[in-house]
Structures are given as structure tokens and as C-alpha cells.
Protein backbone atom coordinates (compact mmCIF):
# COMPACT_ATOMS: atom_id res chain seq x y z
CA MET A 1 -20.77 -83.83 148.66
CA GLY A 2 -21.85 -87.32 147.82
CA LYS A 3 -24.45 -87.43 145.07
CA SER A 4 -26.71 -89.72 147.09
CA MET A 5 -26.62 -87.44 150.13
CA ALA A 6 -27.28 -84.38 147.99
CA GLY A 7 -30.24 -86.15 146.39
CA HIS A 8 -31.75 -86.82 149.83
CA LEU A 9 -31.42 -83.14 150.72
CA MET A 10 -33.19 -82.17 147.52
CA LYS A 11 -35.97 -84.71 148.19
CA GLY A 12 -36.37 -82.99 151.56
CA GLY A 13 -37.13 -79.73 149.77
CA HIS A 14 -33.75 -78.05 150.13
CA GLU A 15 -32.31 -75.95 147.32
CA LEU A 16 -28.78 -77.03 146.41
CA ASN A 17 -25.87 -75.18 144.88
CA VAL A 18 -23.32 -77.68 143.60
CA TYR A 19 -19.73 -77.62 142.41
CA ASN A 20 -17.50 -80.46 141.27
CA ARG A 21 -14.21 -80.37 139.39
CA THR A 22 -15.97 -82.52 136.78
CA LYS A 23 -19.39 -81.03 135.97
CA ALA A 24 -20.59 -84.26 134.35
CA LYS A 25 -20.48 -85.95 137.77
CA ALA A 26 -23.18 -83.53 138.94
CA ALA A 27 -25.43 -84.03 135.89
CA ASP A 28 -28.04 -86.12 137.74
CA LEU A 29 -28.40 -83.46 140.42
CA LEU A 30 -28.58 -80.67 137.86
CA GLU A 31 -31.35 -82.53 136.02
CA LYS A 32 -33.27 -82.69 139.31
CA GLY A 33 -32.96 -78.92 139.82
CA ALA A 34 -29.68 -78.28 141.62
CA ASN A 35 -27.94 -75.00 140.78
CA TRP A 36 -24.51 -75.28 139.17
CA CYS A 37 -21.66 -73.05 140.38
CA ASP A 38 -18.60 -72.68 138.14
CA THR A 39 -16.15 -72.10 140.99
CA ILE A 40 -15.72 -72.70 144.72
CA PRO A 41 -15.88 -68.94 145.44
CA GLU A 42 -19.19 -68.70 143.57
CA LEU A 43 -20.63 -71.60 145.56
CA ALA A 44 -19.40 -70.18 148.87
CA GLU A 45 -20.83 -66.73 148.13
CA LYS A 46 -24.28 -68.21 147.34
CA SER A 47 -24.61 -70.76 150.16
CA ASP A 48 -25.52 -70.61 153.85
CA VAL A 49 -24.43 -74.21 154.50
CA ILE A 50 -21.52 -75.81 152.63
CA ILE A 51 -20.88 -79.55 152.91
CA THR A 52 -17.83 -81.07 151.27
CA ILE A 53 -16.36 -84.49 150.69
CA VAL A 54 -13.03 -84.31 148.88
CA GLY A 55 -10.21 -86.78 148.33
CA TYR A 56 -7.30 -86.15 150.65
CA PRO A 57 -6.14 -83.75 153.41
CA ALA A 58 -4.22 -81.66 150.86
CA ASP A 59 -7.45 -81.25 148.89
CA VAL A 60 -9.28 -80.16 152.04
CA GLU A 61 -6.62 -77.52 152.68
CA GLU A 62 -6.90 -76.18 149.15
CA VAL A 63 -10.71 -76.21 149.06
CA TYR A 64 -11.07 -74.51 152.45
CA LEU A 65 -7.92 -72.47 153.05
CA GLY A 66 -6.67 -71.60 149.56
CA VAL A 67 -6.99 -68.12 148.04
CA ASN A 68 -10.03 -69.36 146.10
CA GLY A 69 -11.18 -71.46 149.05
CA ILE A 70 -14.41 -71.61 150.95
CA LEU A 71 -13.27 -69.72 154.04
CA HIS A 72 -12.11 -66.72 151.99
CA HIS A 73 -15.44 -66.46 150.18
CA ALA A 74 -18.12 -67.77 152.54
CA ARG A 75 -20.75 -65.38 153.78
CA PRO A 76 -20.51 -64.35 157.44
CA GLY A 77 -22.46 -66.82 159.58
CA SER A 78 -22.24 -69.64 157.05
CA TYR A 79 -21.85 -73.20 158.25
CA VAL A 80 -19.08 -75.28 156.66
CA ILE A 81 -18.99 -79.03 157.16
CA ASP A 82 -16.15 -81.20 155.89
CA MET A 83 -17.05 -84.88 155.65
CA THR A 84 -13.72 -85.99 154.17
CA THR A 85 -11.82 -88.74 155.96
CA SER A 86 -8.98 -86.49 157.04
CA LYS A 87 -6.59 -85.52 159.80
CA PRO A 88 -8.42 -84.08 162.86
CA VAL A 89 -5.68 -81.46 163.30
CA LEU A 90 -6.68 -79.99 159.93
CA ALA A 91 -9.99 -78.83 161.42
CA LYS A 92 -8.04 -76.58 163.82
CA LYS A 93 -5.61 -75.19 161.25
CA ASN A 94 -7.41 -71.91 160.51
CA GLN A 95 -8.29 -71.06 164.13
């Protein structure tokens, strides 16, 4: 999720679990108290709400639908929100 948006959530008193392919890009959030997750499955297993912004539709598919993706590891009842500029049909793919 965008660093700025995540920062606003933290300012609002929300606890954040974060993952990025490049940990250094999350350093500012970690310094402010966000919790680092080493993998997508770890993040999904620890979070009730998961918000993502990734590069391209293929990335969305991998992050959500892959074997190590969010939907295979999210807790029952979790909310997942993809904010990537992507193909609308992708949102229906796993239904």
C-alpha cells in the first residue's frame, strides 16, 4: 500500500502489518511502529484487512491468487482491497 496512505492509517491509531518486496522501502513505516512481515502468507495470516497496490495485473494475480498469495492464506472473514490500476475482470477471477 502506498507509504503515505499507510502513514495516515497509523496516525489514526491503526496497527499496521507491512510487506514489500524491498524492505528498505518500508523503513519509514517500520520506524514509526509498523510490524514487518517477511512474506505475503505471514502478512495475510496476521491481518484482518489487507490493502494492496502493486504494479501490474500479472502482479495482482500472483499476490492474490498464487500458491503463496493472499487468498490462500487470509483468515476467514478478512477484507482484501486491491487498489492497483488493473483490469476489472481480474476482480471476478477467483469467484
